[in-house]
N, C-alpha and C. Protein backbone atom coordinates (compact mmCIF):
# COMPACT_ATOMS: atom_id res chain seq x y z
N MET A 1 -10.28 0.73 8.45
CA MET A 1 -11.30 0.05 7.71
C MET A 1 -12.47 0.98 7.42
N ILE A 2 -12.85 1.78 8.39
CA ILE A 2 -13.99 2.66 8.23
C ILE A 2 -13.73 3.69 7.13
N GLN A 3 -12.53 4.22 7.09
CA GLN A 3 -12.21 5.20 6.06
C GLN A 3 -12.03 4.55 4.69
N LYS A 4 -11.43 3.39 4.65
CA LYS A 4 -11.15 2.74 3.38
C LYS A 4 -12.41 2.11 2.78
N TYR A 5 -13.29 1.58 3.62
CA TYR A 5 -14.51 0.92 3.17
C TYR A 5 -15.71 1.51 3.93
N PRO A 6 -16.08 2.75 3.65
CA PRO A 6 -17.09 3.43 4.46
C PRO A 6 -18.48 2.81 4.44
N ASP A 7 -18.83 2.06 3.42
CA ASP A 7 -20.16 1.46 3.36
C ASP A 7 -20.14 -0.06 3.50
N SER A 8 -19.09 -0.56 4.11
CA SER A 8 -18.97 -1.99 4.34
C SER A 8 -20.06 -2.46 5.30
N LYS A 9 -20.49 -3.69 5.12
CA LYS A 9 -21.49 -4.26 6.03
C LYS A 9 -20.91 -4.42 7.44
N LYS A 10 -19.60 -4.41 7.54
CA LYS A 10 -18.96 -4.56 8.84
C LYS A 10 -18.76 -3.22 9.55
N GLU A 11 -19.14 -2.14 8.89
CA GLU A 11 -18.94 -0.82 9.48
C GLU A 11 -19.71 -0.66 10.80
N ILE A 12 -20.88 -1.24 10.87
CA ILE A 12 -21.69 -1.12 12.10
C ILE A 12 -20.90 -1.64 13.30
N ASP A 13 -20.40 -2.87 13.17
CA ASP A 13 -19.62 -3.45 14.27
C ASP A 13 -18.33 -2.69 14.50
N ALA A 14 -17.69 -2.27 13.41
CA ALA A 14 -16.42 -1.54 13.54
C ALA A 14 -16.62 -0.26 14.34
N LEU A 15 -17.69 0.48 14.06
CA LEU A 15 -17.95 1.73 14.79
C LEU A 15 -18.24 1.44 16.26
N TYR A 16 -19.03 0.41 16.52
CA TYR A 16 -19.35 0.08 17.92
C TYR A 16 -18.08 -0.30 18.68
N TYR A 17 -17.29 -1.19 18.12
CA TYR A 17 -16.09 -1.64 18.83
C TYR A 17 -15.02 -0.56 18.89
N LEU A 18 -15.01 0.34 17.93
CA LEU A 18 -14.11 1.49 18.01
C LEU A 18 -14.50 2.36 19.21
N GLY A 19 -15.79 2.65 19.33
CA GLY A 19 -16.26 3.43 20.47
C GLY A 19 -15.98 2.74 21.79
N LEU A 20 -16.21 1.45 21.85
CA LEU A 20 -15.94 0.68 23.07
C LEU A 20 -14.45 0.70 23.41
N SER A 21 -13.62 0.55 22.40
CA SER A 21 -12.17 0.56 22.63
C SER A 21 -11.71 1.92 23.16
N TYR A 22 -12.21 2.99 22.56
CA TYR A 22 -11.85 4.32 23.05
C TYR A 22 -12.33 4.52 24.48
N LYS A 23 -13.51 4.02 24.80
CA LYS A 23 -14.00 4.13 26.18
C LYS A 23 -13.06 3.40 27.14
N ASN A 24 -12.62 2.21 26.73
CA ASN A 24 -11.77 1.40 27.59
C ASN A 24 -10.41 2.02 27.85
N ILE A 25 -9.96 2.92 26.98
CA ILE A 25 -8.69 3.60 27.22
C ILE A 25 -8.93 5.05 27.68
N ASP A 26 -10.14 5.31 28.13
CA ASP A 26 -10.53 6.60 28.70
C ASP A 26 -10.38 7.77 27.72
N ASN A 27 -10.70 7.52 26.45
CA ASN A 27 -10.71 8.59 25.46
C ASN A 27 -12.18 8.86 25.12
N LYS A 28 -12.83 9.58 26.02
CA LYS A 28 -14.27 9.82 25.93
C LYS A 28 -14.68 10.52 24.64
N ASP A 29 -13.94 11.53 24.23
CA ASP A 29 -14.31 12.30 23.04
C ASP A 29 -14.34 11.45 21.78
N LYS A 30 -13.31 10.65 21.59
CA LYS A 30 -13.26 9.80 20.39
C LYS A 30 -14.30 8.68 20.48
N ALA A 31 -14.55 8.19 21.67
CA ALA A 31 -15.59 7.17 21.85
C ALA A 31 -16.94 7.73 21.44
N ILE A 32 -17.24 8.92 21.91
CA ILE A 32 -18.52 9.55 21.58
C ILE A 32 -18.62 9.81 20.08
N ASP A 33 -17.55 10.25 19.46
CA ASP A 33 -17.55 10.50 18.01
C ASP A 33 -17.93 9.22 17.25
N ALA A 34 -17.30 8.11 17.59
CA ALA A 34 -17.57 6.85 16.89
C ALA A 34 -19.00 6.38 17.13
N LEU A 35 -19.45 6.47 18.37
CA LEU A 35 -20.79 6.01 18.69
C LEU A 35 -21.86 6.90 18.08
N GLU A 36 -21.62 8.20 18.04
CA GLU A 36 -22.58 9.10 17.40
C GLU A 36 -22.66 8.85 15.89
N MET A 37 -21.53 8.53 15.28
CA MET A 37 -21.55 8.20 13.85
C MET A 37 -22.38 6.94 13.62
N LEU A 38 -22.22 5.96 14.48
CA LEU A 38 -23.01 4.74 14.38
C LEU A 38 -24.50 5.06 14.51
N LEU A 39 -24.86 5.89 15.48
CA LEU A 39 -26.26 6.24 15.70
C LEU A 39 -26.84 7.02 14.53
N GLU A 40 -26.05 7.87 13.91
CA GLU A 40 -26.52 8.63 12.74
C GLU A 40 -26.76 7.73 11.54
N LYS A 41 -25.82 6.85 11.26
CA LYS A 41 -25.89 6.04 10.05
C LYS A 41 -26.78 4.80 10.19
N TYR A 42 -26.86 4.25 11.40
CA TYR A 42 -27.56 2.99 11.61
C TYR A 42 -28.44 3.05 12.87
N PRO A 43 -29.41 3.94 12.91
CA PRO A 43 -30.16 4.17 14.15
C PRO A 43 -31.08 3.03 14.59
N THR A 44 -31.42 2.12 13.70
CA THR A 44 -32.38 1.07 14.07
C THR A 44 -31.73 -0.29 14.28
N THR A 45 -30.42 -0.31 14.46
CA THR A 45 -29.72 -1.59 14.63
C THR A 45 -29.53 -1.94 16.10
N ARG A 46 -29.23 -3.20 16.31
CA ARG A 46 -28.93 -3.67 17.67
C ARG A 46 -27.71 -2.94 18.23
N GLN A 47 -26.73 -2.68 17.37
CA GLN A 47 -25.52 -1.99 17.80
C GLN A 47 -25.83 -0.56 18.22
N ALA A 48 -26.81 0.06 17.58
CA ALA A 48 -27.21 1.41 17.97
C ALA A 48 -27.80 1.39 19.38
N ASP A 49 -28.59 0.37 19.69
CA ASP A 49 -29.13 0.24 21.04
C ASP A 49 -28.00 0.09 22.06
N GLU A 50 -27.01 -0.73 21.72
CA GLU A 50 -25.86 -0.91 22.61
C GLU A 50 -25.05 0.38 22.73
N ALA A 51 -24.93 1.11 21.63
CA ALA A 51 -24.19 2.37 21.65
C ALA A 51 -24.86 3.38 22.58
N LYS A 52 -26.18 3.42 22.56
CA LYS A 52 -26.92 4.32 23.46
C LYS A 52 -26.63 3.97 24.92
N LYS A 53 -26.63 2.69 25.23
CA LYS A 53 -26.34 2.25 26.60
C LYS A 53 -24.91 2.65 27.00
N LEU A 54 -23.99 2.45 26.07
CA LEU A 54 -22.60 2.78 26.34
C LEU A 54 -22.42 4.29 26.55
N MET A 55 -23.09 5.09 25.72
CA MET A 55 -22.98 6.54 25.85
C MET A 55 -23.59 7.03 27.17
N ALA A 56 -24.58 6.34 27.66
CA ALA A 56 -25.21 6.71 28.93
C ALA A 56 -24.23 6.58 30.09
N THR A 57 -23.22 5.75 29.95
CA THR A 57 -22.23 5.59 31.02
C THR A 57 -21.27 6.76 31.11
N PHE A 58 -21.25 7.63 30.10
CA PHE A 58 -20.36 8.79 30.10
C PHE A 58 -20.91 9.94 30.93
N LYS A 59 -22.16 9.90 31.28
CA LYS A 59 -22.77 11.05 31.97
C LYS A 59 -22.55 11.02 33.45
């Protein structure tokens, strides 16, 4: 979905849940990639705040 519809209004949630899903299967690198993309494109959203919290668990 992200590649096919890059500016969809649902992209914010898609990136967050993609990062969360990768975290849940212990794929840290891909999780970080998705969450960093979310933070770059949508830094002032609620999902960005959640992404920051999620990324803090990787340290």
